[in-house]
Amino acid sequence: HNLAKDLGRIQVPTLLVWGLNDTITPPIVAH
C-alpha cells in the first residue's frame, strides 16, 4: 500500500517529526 500517488490529496496541517538516524524509514523518506 504505497501512498505516493495519494498524498497530494491530504490538505490538513501535517507535522513530520523524524529521527535523523532512522534506519527503518530513513530521512530521505521524511523529505
PDB file of all heavy atoms in Angstrom:
ATOM      1  N   HIS A   1       0.835  -1.203   0.000  1.00  0.00           N
ATOM      2  CA  HIS A   1       0.000   0.000   0.000  1.00  0.00           C
ATOM      3  C   HIS A   1       0.872   1.255   0.000  1.00  0.00           C
ATOM      4  O   HIS A   1       0.970   1.960   0.995  1.00  0.00           O
ATOM      5  CB  HIS A   1      -0.945   0.005   1.204  1.00  0.00           C
ATOM      6  CG  HIS A   1      -2.080  -0.941   1.032  1.00  0.00           C
ATOM      7  ND1 HIS A   1      -1.963  -2.278   1.289  1.00  0.00           N
ATOM      8  CD2 HIS A   1      -3.354  -0.743   0.612  1.00  0.00           C
ATOM      9  CE1 HIS A   1      -3.131  -2.879   1.037  1.00  0.00           C
ATOM     10  NE2 HIS A   1      -3.981  -1.967   0.621  1.00  0.00           N
ATOM     11  N   ASN A   2       1.504   1.497  -1.143  1.00  0.00           N
ATOM     12  CA  ASN A   2       2.353   2.687  -1.254  1.00  0.00           C
ATOM     13  C   ASN A   2       1.460   3.888  -1.559  1.00  0.00           C
ATOM     14  O   ASN A   2       0.614   3.841  -2.447  1.00  0.00           O
ATOM     15  CB  ASN A   2       3.376   2.479  -2.371  1.00  0.00           C
ATOM     16  CG  ASN A   2       4.365   3.625  -2.423  1.00  0.00           C
ATOM     17  OD1 ASN A   2       4.012   4.741  -2.764  1.00  0.00           O
ATOM     18  ND2 ASN A   2       5.602   3.349  -2.072  1.00  0.00           N
ATOM     19  N   LEU A   3       1.649   4.956  -0.793  1.00  0.00           N
ATOM     20  CA  LEU A   3       0.712   6.083  -0.856  1.00  0.00           C
ATOM     21  C   LEU A   3       1.212   7.267  -1.691  1.00  0.00           C
ATOM     22  O   LEU A   3       0.580   8.323  -1.683  1.00  0.00           O
ATOM     23  CB  LEU A   3       0.425   6.572   0.577  1.00  0.00           C
ATOM     24  CG  LEU A   3      -0.216   5.536   1.507  1.00  0.00           C
ATOM     25  CD1 LEU A   3      -0.336   6.097   2.908  1.00  0.00           C
ATOM     26  CD2 LEU A   3      -1.586   5.113   0.978  1.00  0.00           C
ATOM     27  N   ALA A   4       2.335   7.086  -2.396  1.00  0.00           N
ATOM     28  CA  ALA A   4       2.936   8.228  -3.113  1.00  0.00           C
ATOM     29  C   ALA A   4       1.920   8.981  -3.978  1.00  0.00           C
ATOM     30  O   ALA A   4       1.903  10.212  -3.986  1.00  0.00           O
ATOM     31  CB  ALA A   4       4.109   7.742  -3.961  1.00  0.00           C
ATOM     32  N   LYS A   5       1.045   8.251  -4.684  1.00  0.00           N
ATOM     33  CA  LYS A   5       0.102   8.914  -5.612  1.00  0.00           C
ATOM     34  C   LYS A   5      -1.039   9.623  -4.873  1.00  0.00           C
ATOM     35  O   LYS A   5      -1.725  10.456  -5.444  1.00  0.00           O
ATOM     36  CB  LYS A   5      -0.513   7.879  -6.562  1.00  0.00           C
ATOM     37  CG  LYS A   5       0.489   7.277  -7.533  1.00  0.00           C
ATOM     38  CD  LYS A   5      -0.248   6.411  -8.571  1.00  0.00           C
ATOM     39  CE  LYS A   5       0.710   5.615  -9.411  1.00  0.00           C
ATOM     40  NZ  LYS A   5       1.401   4.549  -8.614  1.00  0.00           N
ATOM     41  N   ASP A   6      -1.270   9.257  -3.604  1.00  0.00           N
ATOM     42  CA  ASP A   6      -2.441   9.777  -2.881  1.00  0.00           C
ATOM     43  C   ASP A   6      -2.140  10.936  -1.944  1.00  0.00           C
ATOM     44  O   ASP A   6      -3.049  11.661  -1.536  1.00  0.00           O
ATOM     45  CB  ASP A   6      -3.066   8.649  -2.032  1.00  0.00           C
ATOM     46  CG  ASP A   6      -3.431   7.456  -2.898  1.00  0.00           C
ATOM     47  OD1 ASP A   6      -4.140   7.653  -3.897  1.00  0.00           O
ATOM     48  OD2 ASP A   6      -2.994   6.330  -2.586  1.00  0.00           O
ATOM     49  N   LEU A   7      -0.863  11.095  -1.584  1.00  0.00           N
ATOM     50  CA  LEU A   7      -0.546  12.052  -0.514  1.00  0.00           C
ATOM     51  C   LEU A   7      -0.876  13.494  -0.884  1.00  0.00           C
ATOM     52  O   LEU A   7      -1.146  14.314  -0.001  1.00  0.00           O
ATOM     53  CB  LEU A   7       0.924  11.928  -0.106  1.00  0.00           C
ATOM     54  CG  LEU A   7       1.289  10.592   0.559  1.00  0.00           C
ATOM     55  CD1 LEU A   7       2.775  10.539   0.875  1.00  0.00           C
ATOM     56  CD2 LEU A   7       0.485  10.361   1.836  1.00  0.00           C
ATOM     57  N   GLY A   8      -0.903  13.809  -2.162  1.00  0.00           N
ATOM     58  CA  GLY A   8      -1.252  15.164  -2.614  1.00  0.00           C
ATOM     59  C   GLY A   8      -2.672  15.558  -2.243  1.00  0.00           C
ATOM     60  O   GLY A   8      -3.014  16.742  -2.227  1.00  0.00           O
ATOM     61  N   ARG A   9      -3.517  14.546  -1.910  1.00  0.00           N
ATOM     62  CA  ARG A   9      -4.913  14.847  -1.550  1.00  0.00           C
ATOM     63  C   ARG A   9      -5.058  15.254  -0.089  1.00  0.00           C
ATOM     64  O   ARG A   9      -6.107  15.696   0.333  1.00  0.00           O
ATOM     65  CB  ARG A   9      -5.813  13.624  -1.822  1.00  0.00           C
ATOM     66  CG  ARG A   9      -5.792  13.190  -3.282  1.00  0.00           C
ATOM     67  CD  ARG A   9      -6.945  12.247  -3.672  1.00  0.00           C
ATOM     68  NE  ARG A   9      -7.624  11.581  -2.589  1.00  0.00           N
ATOM     69  CZ  ARG A   9      -7.516  10.264  -2.310  1.00  0.00           C
ATOM     70  NH1 ARG A   9      -6.719   9.494  -3.034  1.00  0.00           N
ATOM     71  NH2 ARG A   9      -8.204   9.729  -1.324  1.00  0.00           N
ATOM     72  N   ILE A  10      -3.992  15.076   0.681  1.00  0.00           N
ATOM     73  CA  ILE A  10      -4.078  15.430   2.108  1.00  0.00           C
ATOM     74  C   ILE A  10      -3.896  16.940   2.253  1.00  0.00           C
ATOM     75  O   ILE A  10      -2.878  17.498   1.860  1.00  0.00           O
ATOM     76  CB  ILE A  10      -3.043  14.641   2.938  1.00  0.00           C
ATOM     77  CG1 ILE A  10      -3.467  13.162   2.953  1.00  0.00           C
ATOM     78  CG2 ILE A  10      -2.929  15.201   4.357  1.00  0.00           C
ATOM     79  CD1 ILE A  10      -2.583  12.260   3.744  1.00  0.00           C
ATOM     80  N   GLN A  11      -4.926  17.580   2.798  1.00  0.00           N
ATOM     81  CA  GLN A  11      -4.938  19.044   2.906  1.00  0.00           C
ATOM     82  C   GLN A  11      -4.666  19.540   4.320  1.00  0.00           C
ATOM     83  O   GLN A  11      -4.358  20.697   4.528  1.00  0.00           O
ATOM     84  CB  GLN A  11      -6.323  19.585   2.479  1.00  0.00           C
ATOM     85  CG  GLN A  11      -6.720  19.228   1.048  1.00  0.00           C
ATOM     86  CD  GLN A  11      -5.749  19.800   0.020  1.00  0.00           C
ATOM     87  OE1 GLN A  11      -5.385  20.970   0.085  1.00  0.00           O
ATOM     88  NE2 GLN A  11      -5.297  18.965  -0.903  1.00  0.00           N
ATOM     89  N   VAL A  12      -4.837  18.674   5.316  1.00  0.00           N
ATOM     90  CA  VAL A  12      -4.771  19.145   6.710  1.00  0.00           C
ATOM     91  C   VAL A  12      -3.332  19.492   7.099  1.00  0.00           C
ATOM     92  O   VAL A  12      -2.383  18.928   6.543  1.00  0.00           O
ATOM     93  CB  VAL A  12      -5.323  18.088   7.703  1.00  0.00           C
ATOM     94  CG1 VAL A  12      -6.803  17.863   7.460  1.00  0.00           C
ATOM     95  CG2 VAL A  12      -4.555  16.779   7.641  1.00  0.00           C
ATOM     96  N   PRO A  13      -3.160  20.420   8.048  1.00  0.00           N
ATOM     97  CA  PRO A  13      -1.804  20.711   8.535  1.00  0.00           C
ATOM     98  C   PRO A  13      -1.165  19.420   9.048  1.00  0.00           C
ATOM     99  O   PRO A  13      -1.796  18.660   9.793  1.00  0.00           O
ATOM    100  CB  PRO A  13      -2.039  21.689   9.696  1.00  0.00           C
ATOM    101  CG  PRO A  13      -3.401  22.242   9.489  1.00  0.00           C
ATOM    102  CD  PRO A  13      -4.186  21.195   8.755  1.00  0.00           C
ATOM    103  N   THR A  14       0.064  19.168   8.615  1.00  0.00           N
ATOM    104  CA  THR A  14       0.740  17.913   8.957  1.00  0.00           C
ATOM    105  C   THR A  14       2.124  18.198   9.527  1.00  0.00           C
ATOM    106  O   THR A  14       2.895  18.951   8.941  1.00  0.00           O
ATOM    107  CB  THR A  14       0.865  17.013   7.702  1.00  0.00           C
ATOM    108  OG1 THR A  14      -0.463  16.762   7.186  1.00  0.00           O
ATOM    109  CG2 THR A  14       1.531  15.687   8.020  1.00  0.00           C
ATOM    110  N   LEU A  15       2.398  17.587  10.672  1.00  0.00           N
ATOM    111  CA  LEU A  15       3.715  17.704  11.311  1.00  0.00           C
ATOM    112  C   LEU A  15       4.467  16.396  11.101  1.00  0.00           C
ATOM    113  O   LEU A  15       3.954  15.323  11.407  1.00  0.00           O
ATOM    114  CB  LEU A  15       3.539  17.975  12.812  1.00  0.00           C
ATOM    115  CG  LEU A  15       4.807  17.923  13.668  1.00  0.00           C
ATOM    116  CD1 LEU A  15       5.760  19.061  13.314  1.00  0.00           C
ATOM    117  CD2 LEU A  15       4.464  17.964  15.159  1.00  0.00           C
ATOM    118  N   LEU A  16       5.684  16.495  10.578  1.00  0.00           N
ATOM    119  CA  LEU A  16       6.549  15.324  10.407  1.00  0.00           C
ATOM    120  C   LEU A  16       7.718  15.488  11.385  1.00  0.00           C
ATOM    121  O   LEU A  16       8.471  16.456  11.290  1.00  0.00           O
ATOM    122  CB  LEU A  16       7.081  15.257   8.976  1.00  0.00           C
ATOM    123  CG  LEU A  16       6.023  15.252   7.853  1.00  0.00           C
ATOM    124  CD1 LEU A  16       6.648  15.595   6.509  1.00  0.00           C
ATOM    125  CD2 LEU A  16       5.328  13.894   7.776  1.00  0.00           C
ATOM    126  N   VAL A  17       7.842  14.573  12.337  1.00  0.00           N
ATOM    127  CA  VAL A  17       8.976  14.604  13.266  1.00  0.00           C
ATOM    128  C   VAL A  17       9.735  13.300  13.063  1.00  0.00           C
ATOM    129  O   VAL A  17       9.177  12.218  13.252  1.00  0.00           O
ATOM    130  CB  VAL A  17       8.527  14.719  14.737  1.00  0.00           C
ATOM    131  CG1 VAL A  17       9.755  14.783  15.652  1.00  0.00           C
ATOM    132  CG2 VAL A  17       7.663  15.951  14.949  1.00  0.00           C
ATOM    133  N   TRP A  18      11.001  13.421  12.656  1.00  0.00           N
ATOM    134  CA  TRP A  18      11.745  12.235  12.236  1.00  0.00           C
ATOM    135  C   TRP A  18      13.067  12.134  12.975  1.00  0.00           C
ATOM    136  O   TRP A  18      13.713  13.142  13.246  1.00  0.00           O
ATOM    137  CB  TRP A  18      12.048  12.341  10.735  1.00  0.00           C
ATOM    138  CG  TRP A  18      11.585  11.164   9.948  1.00  0.00           C
ATOM    139  CD1 TRP A  18      12.352  10.116   9.519  1.00  0.00           C
ATOM    140  CD2 TRP A  18      10.239  10.893   9.509  1.00  0.00           C
ATOM    141  NE1 TRP A  18      11.560   9.213   8.830  1.00  0.00           N
ATOM    142  CE2 TRP A  18      10.262   9.673   8.810  1.00  0.00           C
ATOM    143  CE3 TRP A  18       9.029  11.560   9.638  1.00  0.00           C
ATOM    144  CZ2 TRP A  18       9.127   9.097   8.236  1.00  0.00           C
ATOM    145  CZ3 TRP A  18       7.890  11.007   9.074  1.00  0.00           C
ATOM    146  CH2 TRP A  18       7.948   9.794   8.384  1.00  0.00           C
ATOM    147  N   GLY A  19      13.457  10.899  13.256  1.00  0.00           N
ATOM    148  CA  GLY A  19      14.800  10.667  13.795  1.00  0.00           C
ATOM    149  C   GLY A  19      15.810  10.811  12.668  1.00  0.00           C
ATOM    150  O   GLY A  19      15.658  10.203  11.602  1.00  0.00           O
ATOM    151  N   LEU A  20      16.830  11.615  12.908  1.00  0.00           N
ATOM    152  CA  LEU A  20      17.864  11.819  11.890  1.00  0.00           C
ATOM    153  C   LEU A  20      18.626  10.513  11.626  1.00  0.00           C
ATOM    154  O   LEU A  20      19.223  10.335  10.578  1.00  0.00           O
ATOM    155  CB  LEU A  20      18.827  12.914  12.377  1.00  0.00           C
ATOM    156  CG  LEU A  20      19.724  13.579  11.359  1.00  0.00           C
ATOM    157  CD1 LEU A  20      18.931  14.142  10.184  1.00  0.00           C
ATOM    158  CD2 LEU A  20      20.524  14.703  12.004  1.00  0.00           C
ATOM    159  N   ASN A  21      18.563   9.611  12.596  1.00  0.00           N
ATOM    160  CA  ASN A  21      19.301   8.346  12.490  1.00  0.00           C
ATOM    161  C   ASN A  21      18.358   7.165  12.260  1.00  0.00           C
ATOM    162  O   ASN A  21      18.694   6.021  12.572  1.00  0.00           O
ATOM    163  CB  ASN A  21      20.109   8.120  13.769  1.00  0.00           C
ATOM    164  CG  ASN A  21      20.846   9.383  14.200  1.00  0.00           C
ATOM    165  OD1 ASN A  21      20.323  10.154  15.002  1.00  0.00           O
ATOM    166  ND2 ASN A  21      22.005   9.643  13.642  1.00  0.00           N
ATOM    167  N   ASP A  22      17.178   7.449  11.720  1.00  0.00           N
ATOM    168  CA  ASP A  22      16.186   6.389  11.480  1.00  0.00           C
ATOM    169  C   ASP A  22      16.712   5.442  10.404  1.00  0.00           C
ATOM    170  O   ASP A  22      17.017   5.859   9.289  1.00  0.00           O
ATOM    171  CB  ASP A  22      14.858   7.023  11.033  1.00  0.00           C
ATOM    172  CG  ASP A  22      13.695   6.038  11.044  1.00  0.00           C
ATOM    173  OD1 ASP A  22      13.931   4.826  10.911  1.00  0.00           O
ATOM    174  OD2 ASP A  22      12.542   6.496  11.172  1.00  0.00           O
ATOM    175  N   THR A  23      16.806   4.160  10.759  1.00  0.00           N
ATOM    176  CA  THR A  23      17.322   3.149   9.822  1.00  0.00           C
ATOM    177  C   THR A  23      16.180   2.429   9.109  1.00  0.00           C
ATOM    178  O   THR A  23      16.390   1.717   8.134  1.00  0.00           O
ATOM    179  CB  THR A  23      18.124   2.094  10.610  1.00  0.00           C
ATOM    180  OG1 THR A  23      17.358   1.751  11.774  1.00  0.00           O
ATOM    181  CG2 THR A  23      19.472   2.628  11.030  1.00  0.00           C
ATOM    182  N   ILE A  24      14.946   2.582   9.624  1.00  0.00           N
ATOM    183  CA  ILE A  24      13.817   1.804   9.103  1.00  0.00           C
ATOM    184  C   ILE A  24      13.041   2.622   8.075  1.00  0.00           C
ATOM    185  O   ILE A  24      12.698   2.140   6.998  1.00  0.00           O
ATOM    186  CB  ILE A  24      12.931   1.327  10.274  1.00  0.00           C
ATOM    187  CG1 ILE A  24      13.754   0.314  11.104  1.00  0.00           C
ATOM    188  CG2 ILE A  24      11.638   0.673   9.770  1.00  0.00           C
ATOM    189  CD1 ILE A  24      13.189  -0.007  12.452  1.00  0.00           C
ATOM    190  N   THR A  25      12.767   3.887   8.405  1.00  0.00           N
ATOM    191  CA  THR A  25      12.220   4.840   7.425  1.00  0.00           C
ATOM    192  C   THR A  25      13.218   6.001   7.401  1.00  0.00           C
ATOM    193  O   THR A  25      13.042   6.992   8.123  1.00  0.00           O
ATOM    194  CB  THR A  25      10.811   5.332   7.844  1.00  0.00           C
ATOM    195  OG1 THR A  25      10.829   5.707   9.232  1.00  0.00           O
ATOM    196  CG2 THR A  25       9.768   4.252   7.650  1.00  0.00           C
ATOM    197  N   PRO A  26      14.289   5.881   6.609  1.00  0.00           N
ATOM    198  CA  PRO A  26      15.403   6.845   6.673  1.00  0.00           C
ATOM    199  C   PRO A  26      14.965   8.284   6.361  1.00  0.00           C
ATOM    200  O   PRO A  26      13.871   8.502   5.816  1.00  0.00           O
ATOM    201  CB  PRO A  26      16.365   6.331   5.594  1.00  0.00           C
ATOM    202  CG  PRO A  26      15.936   4.951   5.273  1.00  0.00           C
ATOM    203  CD  PRO A  26      14.487   4.846   5.602  1.00  0.00           C
ATOM    204  N   PRO A  27      15.830   9.277   6.697  1.00  0.00           N
ATOM    205  CA  PRO A  27      15.492  10.681   6.485  1.00  0.00           C
ATOM    206  C   PRO A  27      14.986  11.019   5.078  1.00  0.00           C
ATOM    207  O   PRO A  27      14.106  11.864   4.930  1.00  0.00           O
ATOM    208  CB  PRO A  27      16.809  11.405   6.779  1.00  0.00           C
ATOM    209  CG  PRO A  27      17.455  10.544   7.818  1.00  0.00           C
ATOM    210  CD  PRO A  27      17.118   9.126   7.429  1.00  0.00           C
ATOM    211  N   ILE A  28      15.483  10.319   4.076  1.00  0.00           N
ATOM    212  CA  ILE A  28      15.029  10.609   2.698  1.00  0.00           C
ATOM    213  C   ILE A  28      13.513  10.369   2.572  1.00  0.00           C
ATOM    214  O   ILE A  28      12.817  11.051   1.816  1.00  0.00           O
ATOM    215  CB  ILE A  28      15.834   9.783   1.658  1.00  0.00           C
ATOM    216  CG1 ILE A  28      15.546  10.298   0.250  1.00  0.00           C
ATOM    217  CG2 ILE A  28      15.561   8.298   1.769  1.00  0.00           C
ATOM    218  CD1 ILE A  28      16.561   9.901  -0.774  1.00  0.00           C
ATOM    219  N   VAL A  29      12.985   9.423   3.351  1.00  0.00           N
ATOM    220  CA  VAL A  29      11.548   9.132   3.353  1.00  0.00           C
ATOM    221  C   VAL A  29      10.786  10.336   3.920  1.00  0.00           C
ATOM    222  O   VAL A  29       9.746  10.740   3.392  1.00  0.00           O
ATOM    223  CB  VAL A  29      11.245   7.857   4.183  1.00  0.00           C
ATOM    224  CG1 VAL A  29       9.754   7.591   4.250  1.00  0.00           C
ATOM    225  CG2 VAL A  29      11.973   6.652   3.593  1.00  0.00           C
ATOM    226  N   ALA A  30      11.338  10.918   4.979  1.00  0.00           N
ATOM    227  CA  ALA A  30      10.702  12.097   5.595  1.00  0.00           C
ATOM    228  C   ALA A  30      10.659  13.250   4.599  1.00  0.00           C
ATOM    229  O   ALA A  30       9.639  13.943   4.468  1.00  0.00           O
ATOM    230  CB  ALA A  30      11.479  12.512   6.839  1.00  0.00           C
ATOM    231  N   HIS A  31      11.757  13.450   3.876  1.00  0.00           N
ATOM    232  CA  HIS A  31      11.796  14.519   2.858  1.00  0.00           C
ATOM    233  C   HIS A  31      10.740  14.284   1.779  1.00  0.00           C
ATOM    234  O   HIS A  31      10.104  15.216   1.298  1.00  0.00           O
ATOM    235  CB  HIS A  31      13.190  14.599   2.213  1.00  0.00           C
ATOM    236  CG  HIS A  31      14.209  15.249   3.093  1.00  0.00           C
ATOM    237  ND1 HIS A  31      14.142  16.584   3.462  1.00  0.00           N
ATOM    238  CD2 HIS A  31      15.315  14.752   3.686  1.00  0.00           C
ATOM    239  CE1 HIS A  31      15.172  16.884   4.240  1.00  0.00           C
ATOM    240  NE2 HIS A  31      15.900  15.797   4.401  1.00  0.00           N
TER     241      HIS A  31
END
